[in-house]
Each structure stands twice: as structure tokens, then as C-alpha cells.
């Protein structure tokens, strides 16, 4: 048996002991009568399983989707405040292929309080409701002496006006949303904003967990400012159309806590988003098939937006589906999502080119492509018994065009691949997350088991295994790291009140 395997198993045993202690402490603090997102539970009088499939927040049931589509207004006004916190542990399979393991795998094998969120959510009037999340990241930044510093910033925001026209022949829900994240308005969990549900901690020991593996999403990112209009007709057809702009000026609260250089900058407000879906319910079953897309004109991060040569474009189009079976004591959910993205790079990004050479140290690599196309597929199957015990299996596969612009590892002018640049060529390679091929291909599986000892507390364990990473199964960074070296054990305790 290899020494590294012994250490890995030893870390697992240690993690189980530590997380068990954490679970006992947190469960002891949570009341046994805790219900769905607490602010919404107080408002509706419903318990967790009414809105969330098998009690597994945030995945919605048909009733939970109806609550969201009607603008979070069902029930009576109450205290619109909830809090959420995550304690986690991560262990990367191999940390040896690194020049600086403490930096590349921060807090590896150590339990930590990862994130906490404050929610202001609930009914404002009979037609107006709000879902607003602000998140504290305990490991947002690190100073030169290794000390971490926490930071608070705006997270997901959705402010709605909704109404419903219903009689014996029709049932139409319609509304408008002011929000900061394309698809945050979506009521299905196969949508880009919701398929990844466990909060992801910042330390680099967590950089390969399932939450950071490829997910279908929009190139624009989040913390924007958008307005959309939606309609749900006869519980059959859902349609939503909107557009987004930079979250600045009067909309700056939607990107609060993010410095200007890191804020996503869009050109104007002509950045359309759309969503169409067909839904059907029969007995304990419900099924949805849909499509979504977006076109976003995005300035390169941290660049001068007065220079049109810093402007690029993302075009996204995707399909997704979700099936649920909800009949006590069983809950089954199957999700499938696929997203195709074309990115047109800015003129300045293309002019920068790639600094790397072929192995001879003389011949430059192939000229960069003006655009890239990527494809991400995600599939997940989950089962929950008695709204208490559950497990899931997820598959992810990312493919796309090869472009030397996307290389972050390669040969320098001496024909070497190094992350330290000892000969002073000015060209170095990225260790651990480097990409030698310029191809995004990444593939793997995530196995998960979880337990909900009380409503609104979940204890989970995930193991994410990679068969390909950054375009290769072996030596993907040119510095000897293999895809399987990134396999990661992740334990979490997730609670809300």
C-alpha cells in the first residue's frame, strides 16, 4: 500500500471524528421544530418537505415552485429574516506535486467555518415579495503572513411583483423580477443558478470539490442588474424574458462588497436572457423539459471599459430537464442540463496572445483563436428516504475547442516547463490548476450521501473523482499532475435558522 493512500485514509477517519463533534454541537442548537427556509416557513406555516423535495433544500417541489412564482407572497407577513451557515472539511488526494502545498491546498484536512449568509426574504404586499441573500466568506482573502480575512458581499437577489388570473378555464401566473443573477428566478433546480446547491468555501483545498467542477452556466456571471418578465400558463408553459446591465449607480447594492475592478461590466443593457419550459404533473410525478439562453457583451475583468478593444461577447444556449417522484417515504429526482457557449474574445485579449513555445524553446505555439466554443453536460440522480436519509450520483463532462490563449502552462524560451522561472525568461507555468493543452476537457463523477437529523440541518459527504482535467488524464499541467490527483473528499454540515 502506498504511503499517500495511508495518509488519505487517516485523514478521512480524523475528518469523521471532527465533523461528528461539529454535528452534535450544531444539532443541539437547532430546534426540533425547525421548518423550511425559516422566514418562508413562518410566513406559510408549511414544513420543509412542502416546499423542498424530500426536505432537501433548495430543491423545490411543485408547491415550492408555486410559492416562488407567485412572488414569495403566499401566507402572512412575518419577520423576514433567516441565517445560514456551513462548516466543512476537504481532503485532496495528492498534494505532493506542488511547489507550495500550503498555498495550493489551504486548510487541507482541517475543519473550518466556511461561509454564513443572512436572508431578508418574504412577503411585502399581496403582490410583492423578496428573496435577498448576503454572504460572509470567512476566507475571502489572505495577507502575506498567511492570515485569512473575512468579507461580506451581495449574493443572490430577487425582488418580485406577481399576480394570478384563475378561473375554471385558465390559470395564469405572471410577474416581473428585478434580480442580479440570470436564472436565479427559475423555479426548477436544473437551471444554471440552482443545480450547484452546496455553498463552496474559498480555501484552495476546496478547489476540486463538486461545487467547483464544471456546471452549465452563463458567461456573464452574476452580481449584475436585470429585469425580467415571466408567465406560467395552466401549469404547463413557462416563459421568461429579460435583459441585464452592470450593477452600478442605482443598482450598486446588487454587487455590494465587490470592488470595482472585480465587478462584472456589461456593455449597455442589451444583454438578453430567455427561458422556455414545458411542465406536467400527474399523481406523484412531475416532469419539465426546457431551454434557456443569453447573449452578453462583457468587458474583460479589471480593464478600461472606455476602450472598445476590451469588449468580448458570450452566447449561451442550453437545454435541461427534471423529473421528480414525490410520495412518502420516497423522493426521487433526476436532472439533466447541457449548455453550449461561444465566447468571442476581445481584441486586446487576442493581441496579448500566448507567451509559450513548443518544446524546442524557439517555435511559438499555434496562434490564438478569435473565439472558443465549450459544451458542459451535467446529470444527477438523487434519492431520499423519509425526508431524512439520502444520496446522489452526479456526472459532469466539459469539452470544447483547443486554444493556446487558454494555456496557463507551457515551454519557455529555454524549452523548460517551470512554475519558478529560475532562468529569468519571464515565462512561468501555473502549478496544480495549469492547462498545458489549452483545452477545457474535464470529466468526472461525484458520489454523495447525506443525513438530515432535523429539518434545516444537513450533514453530507461527497467524493469527487476526476478521469480528465484541463484537457488530459495525465500530466495536464506539464508539471506531472494527473487528473486523479485532484480527487477530493468533502464533508459539510449545513444549517439554517
Foldseek 3Di string as FASTA:
>chain_A
DDPLVVVQVVLVVVVVVVVVVVVVVVVVVDDQQQADQNQLCVFAVDGQVQAAFLLPPPAGDPNVLVCLLQAQQHGHHDQQKKKKWKKKAKAFSDQPLDPDSCQLAPCHSHIDGAKMKMWRWHHDDNFKIWTWIKMKGQQPDADPVGDGHIFIWTDWIKIKGWDWDDDPPKIKIKIKIKIWFPCPSPNHQLDQVRVLPDDFGDGNSRCLFPSNPDHDGFPQGTLWIKMKMWMQIPVFKIKMKMWTAFCDDVNVNSTPRDDPLQGKGFDDTPKMKIKIKTWDDDDQKIKMKIKIWIKTWTFDRRDDPVDQLRIKIKTKIKIKMKMWGHDPQKIKIKIKIKMKMKIFGGNVLQVVWAQAAALQLPHRDDRFDRMKMKMKIKIKIKMHGNSWKIKMKMKIWMWMDAGSSQFQWHAHSNSDAAQPPPVPRPHYHDPPQGAHGSIATWIWMKIKIWGDPHNFKIKMKIWIATCDGNHGQFCRRVSTDGRRSRTMIMIMIMGMD
